[in-house]
Amino acid sequence: MSARHARHVGILLQLRSRPWVSAAALSCRFGVDVRTIYLDIDLLTAAGLPIEAVPGRAGAYRLAANAALPTDDEKLGDAGEPLDHYLRGARSREQLRQLGQRAYARQQRLLLHRLAG
């Protein structure tokens, strides 16, 4: 796993463990520039991960209130597919965007199926 992948997983863990996390706090935590954190958040969002942002100087990030990421005991399946594919080697923003769109559409179908049945 590359340093970038490890940082992305670390960012997700930080977002799961706190209500809000600033880009400055993440940059200090991982020893990178704030601009790197902005790019990381963009890549993770493009991958379909439900990250919300509050813009501005006092801005911060959090997982969306309705985020359904897998727990530590669950396998990375449908809910974690974008992250799973990213960690397996999807490199470009376009690949991540496509993976995120497919996973989102699949999750919507599954949700509708569960609500209907």
C-alpha atoms as a PDB file:
ATOM      1  CA  MET A   1       0.000   0.000   0.000  1.00  0.00           C
ATOM      2  CA  SER A   2       1.428   3.362  -0.996  1.00  0.00           C
ATOM      3  CA  ALA A   3       1.744   6.308   1.376  1.00  0.00           C
ATOM      4  CA  ARG A   4      -1.154   8.021  -0.405  1.00  0.00           C
ATOM      5  CA  HIS A   5      -3.433   5.005   0.002  1.00  0.00           C
ATOM      6  CA  ALA A   6      -2.478   4.710   3.659  1.00  0.00           C
ATOM      7  CA  ARG A   7      -3.243   8.416   4.130  1.00  0.00           C
ATOM      8  CA  HIS A   8      -6.646   8.022   2.449  1.00  0.00           C
ATOM      9  CA  VAL A   9      -7.534   5.164   4.769  1.00  0.00           C
ATOM     10  CA  GLY A  10      -6.280   7.250   7.694  1.00  0.00           C
ATOM     11  CA  ILE A  11      -8.447  10.189   6.615  1.00  0.00           C
ATOM     12  CA  LEU A  12     -11.503   7.940   6.523  1.00  0.00           C
ATOM     13  CA  LEU A  13     -10.690   6.609   9.975  1.00  0.00           C
ATOM     14  CA  GLN A  14     -10.377  10.169  11.283  1.00  0.00           C
ATOM     15  CA  LEU A  15     -13.710  11.090   9.707  1.00  0.00           C
ATOM     16  CA  ARG A  16     -15.365   8.030  11.258  1.00  0.00           C
ATOM     17  CA  SER A  17     -14.034   8.808  14.722  1.00  0.00           C
ATOM     18  CA  ARG A  18     -14.901  12.526  14.941  1.00  0.00           C
ATOM     19  CA  PRO A  19     -17.930  14.656  14.162  1.00  0.00           C
ATOM     20  CA  TRP A  20     -15.854  17.222  12.186  1.00  0.00           C
ATOM     21  CA  VAL A  21     -12.190  17.332  11.137  1.00  0.00           C
ATOM     22  CA  SER A  22     -10.462  20.355   9.617  1.00  0.00           C
ATOM     23  CA  ALA A  23      -8.063  20.130   6.693  1.00  0.00           C
ATOM     24  CA  ALA A  24      -5.422  21.771   8.890  1.00  0.00           C
ATOM     25  CA  ALA A  25      -5.818  19.062  11.539  1.00  0.00           C
ATOM     26  CA  LEU A  26      -5.567  16.346   8.890  1.00  0.00           C
ATOM     27  CA  SER A  27      -2.477  17.952   7.350  1.00  0.00           C
ATOM     28  CA  CYS A  28      -0.782  18.054  10.772  1.00  0.00           C
ATOM     29  CA  ARG A  29      -1.828  14.492  11.517  1.00  0.00           C
ATOM     30  CA  PHE A  30      -0.404  13.118   8.267  1.00  0.00           C
ATOM     31  CA  GLY A  31       2.508  15.528   7.795  1.00  0.00           C
ATOM     32  CA  VAL A  32       1.418  16.875   4.427  1.00  0.00           C
ATOM     33  CA  ASP A  33       0.393  20.255   3.044  1.00  0.00           C
ATOM     34  CA  VAL A  34      -3.241  21.368   3.389  1.00  0.00           C
ATOM     35  CA  ARG A  35      -3.517  21.388  -0.422  1.00  0.00           C
ATOM     36  CA  THR A  36      -2.662  17.681  -0.399  1.00  0.00           C
ATOM     37  CA  ILE A  37      -5.569  17.083   1.989  1.00  0.00           C
ATOM     38  CA  TYR A  38      -7.886  19.037  -0.335  1.00  0.00           C
ATOM     39  CA  LEU A  39      -6.802  16.806  -3.229  1.00  0.00           C
ATOM     40  CA  ASP A  40      -7.217  13.669  -1.089  1.00  0.00           C
ATOM     41  CA  ILE A  41     -10.755  14.706  -0.112  1.00  0.00           C
ATOM     42  CA  ASP A  42     -11.561  15.404  -3.781  1.00  0.00           C
ATOM     43  CA  LEU A  43     -10.304  11.944  -4.770  1.00  0.00           C
ATOM     44  CA  LEU A  44     -12.224  10.209  -2.001  1.00  0.00           C
ATOM     45  CA  THR A  45     -15.392  12.132  -2.870  1.00  0.00           C
ATOM     46  CA  ALA A  46     -14.934  11.309  -6.561  1.00  0.00           C
ATOM     47  CA  ALA A  47     -14.702   7.664  -5.512  1.00  0.00           C
ATOM     48  CA  GLY A  48     -18.217   7.929  -4.137  1.00  0.00           C
ATOM     49  CA  LEU A  49     -17.421   8.232  -0.454  1.00  0.00           C
ATOM     50  CA  PRO A  50     -20.006  10.390   1.342  1.00  0.00           C
ATOM     51  CA  ILE A  51     -17.862  13.267   2.631  1.00  0.00           C
ATOM     52  CA  GLU A  52     -19.472  16.618   3.442  1.00  0.00           C
ATOM     53  CA  ALA A  53     -17.518  19.859   3.631  1.00  0.00           C
ATOM     54  CA  VAL A  54     -18.095  23.205   5.283  1.00  0.00           C
ATOM     55  CA  PRO A  55     -16.152  25.784   3.249  1.00  0.00           C
ATOM     56  CA  GLY A  56     -14.197  28.717   4.618  1.00  0.00           C
ATOM     57  CA  ARG A  57     -11.440  29.315   7.122  1.00  0.00           C
ATOM     58  CA  ALA A  58     -13.278  27.527   9.903  1.00  0.00           C
ATOM     59  CA  GLY A  59     -14.385  24.788   7.525  1.00  0.00           C
ATOM     60  CA  ALA A  60     -14.118  21.106   8.172  1.00  0.00           C
ATOM     61  CA  TYR A  61     -15.049  17.697   6.800  1.00  0.00           C
ATOM     62  CA  ARG A  62     -17.271  14.928   8.057  1.00  0.00           C
ATOM     63  CA  LEU A  63     -18.921  11.807   6.797  1.00  0.00           C
ATOM     64  CA  ALA A  64     -22.424  12.507   5.575  1.00  0.00           C
ATOM     65  CA  ALA A  65     -25.073  11.965   8.240  1.00  0.00           C
ATOM     66  CA  ASN A  66     -26.565   9.105   6.211  1.00  0.00           C
ATOM     67  CA  ALA A  67     -23.172   7.539   5.442  1.00  0.00           C
ATOM     68  CA  ALA A  68     -23.229   3.763   5.422  1.00  0.00           C
ATOM     69  CA  LEU A  69     -19.607   2.701   5.487  1.00  0.00           C
ATOM     70  CA  PRO A  70     -18.896  -0.882   6.511  1.00  0.00           C
ATOM     71  CA  THR A  71     -17.911  -1.561  10.096  1.00  0.00           C
ATOM     72  CA  ASP A  72     -14.519  -3.031  10.888  1.00  0.00           C
ATOM     73  CA  ASP A  73     -16.061  -6.514  11.087  1.00  0.00           C
ATOM     74  CA  GLU A  74     -17.747  -6.299   7.694  1.00  0.00           C
ATOM     75  CA  LYS A  75     -16.080  -7.144   4.430  1.00  0.00           C
ATOM     76  CA  LEU A  76     -15.635  -4.348   1.944  1.00  0.00           C
ATOM     77  CA  GLY A  77     -18.571  -5.274  -0.241  1.00  0.00           C
ATOM     78  CA  ASP A  78     -21.264  -3.104  -1.761  1.00  0.00           C
ATOM     79  CA  ALA A  79     -21.000  -0.228   0.728  1.00  0.00           C
ATOM     80  CA  GLY A  80     -17.211  -0.095   0.540  1.00  0.00           C
ATOM     81  CA  GLU A  81     -16.819  -0.863  -3.143  1.00  0.00           C
ATOM     82  CA  PRO A  82     -15.432   2.546  -4.185  1.00  0.00           C
ATOM     83  CA  LEU A  83     -12.756   2.413  -1.480  1.00  0.00           C
ATOM     84  CA  ASP A  84     -12.072  -1.247  -2.212  1.00  0.00           C
ATOM     85  CA  HIS A  85     -11.524  -0.555  -5.921  1.00  0.00           C
ATOM     86  CA  TYR A  86      -9.453   2.502  -5.134  1.00  0.00           C
ATOM     87  CA  LEU A  87      -7.163   0.507  -2.902  1.00  0.00           C
ATOM     88  CA  ARG A  88      -6.869  -2.146  -5.593  1.00  0.00           C
ATOM     89  CA  GLY A  89      -5.516   0.316  -8.112  1.00  0.00           C
ATOM     90  CA  ALA A  90      -8.038   2.710  -9.656  1.00  0.00           C
ATOM     91  CA  ARG A  91      -5.795   5.688 -10.202  1.00  0.00           C
ATOM     92  CA  SER A  92      -7.504   8.402 -12.183  1.00  0.00           C
ATOM     93  CA  ARG A  93     -10.294  10.689 -11.079  1.00  0.00           C
ATOM     94  CA  GLU A  94     -12.379   9.483 -13.993  1.00  0.00           C
ATOM     95  CA  GLN A  95     -12.027   5.837 -12.937  1.00  0.00           C
ATOM     96  CA  LEU A  96     -12.929   6.752  -9.371  1.00  0.00           C
ATOM     97  CA  ARG A  97     -15.900   8.831 -10.511  1.00  0.00           C
ATOM     98  CA  GLN A  98     -17.219   5.960 -12.622  1.00  0.00           C
ATOM     99  CA  LEU A  99     -16.737   3.477  -9.780  1.00  0.00           C
ATOM    100  CA  GLY A 100     -18.533   5.819  -7.406  1.00  0.00           C
ATOM    101  CA  GLN A 101     -21.456   6.301  -9.779  1.00  0.00           C
ATOM    102  CA  ARG A 102     -21.856   2.558 -10.312  1.00  0.00           C
ATOM    103  CA  ALA A 103     -21.666   1.833  -6.584  1.00  0.00           C
ATOM    104  CA  TYR A 104     -24.169   4.608  -5.824  1.00  0.00           C
ATOM    105  CA  ALA A 105     -26.605   3.294  -8.443  1.00  0.00           C
ATOM    106  CA  ARG A 106     -26.242  -0.246  -7.063  1.00  0.00           C
ATOM    107  CA  GLN A 107     -26.854   0.978  -3.512  1.00  0.00           C
ATOM    108  CA  GLN A 108     -29.964   2.859  -4.638  1.00  0.00           C
ATOM    109  CA  ARG A 109     -31.326  -0.267  -6.343  1.00  0.00           C
ATOM    110  CA  LEU A 110     -30.616  -2.356  -3.241  1.00  0.00           C
ATOM    111  CA  LEU A 111     -32.302   0.215  -1.009  1.00  0.00           C
ATOM    112  CA  LEU A 112     -35.391   0.352  -3.227  1.00  0.00           C
ATOM    113  CA  HIS A 113     -35.504  -3.439  -3.308  1.00  0.00           C
ATOM    114  CA  ARG A 114     -35.275  -3.618   0.514  1.00  0.00           C
ATOM    115  CA  LEU A 115     -37.982  -0.974   0.938  1.00  0.00           C
ATOM    116  CA  ALA A 116     -40.266  -2.722  -1.541  1.00  0.00           C
ATOM    117  CA  GLY A 117     -39.849  -6.175  -0.061  1.00  0.00           C
END
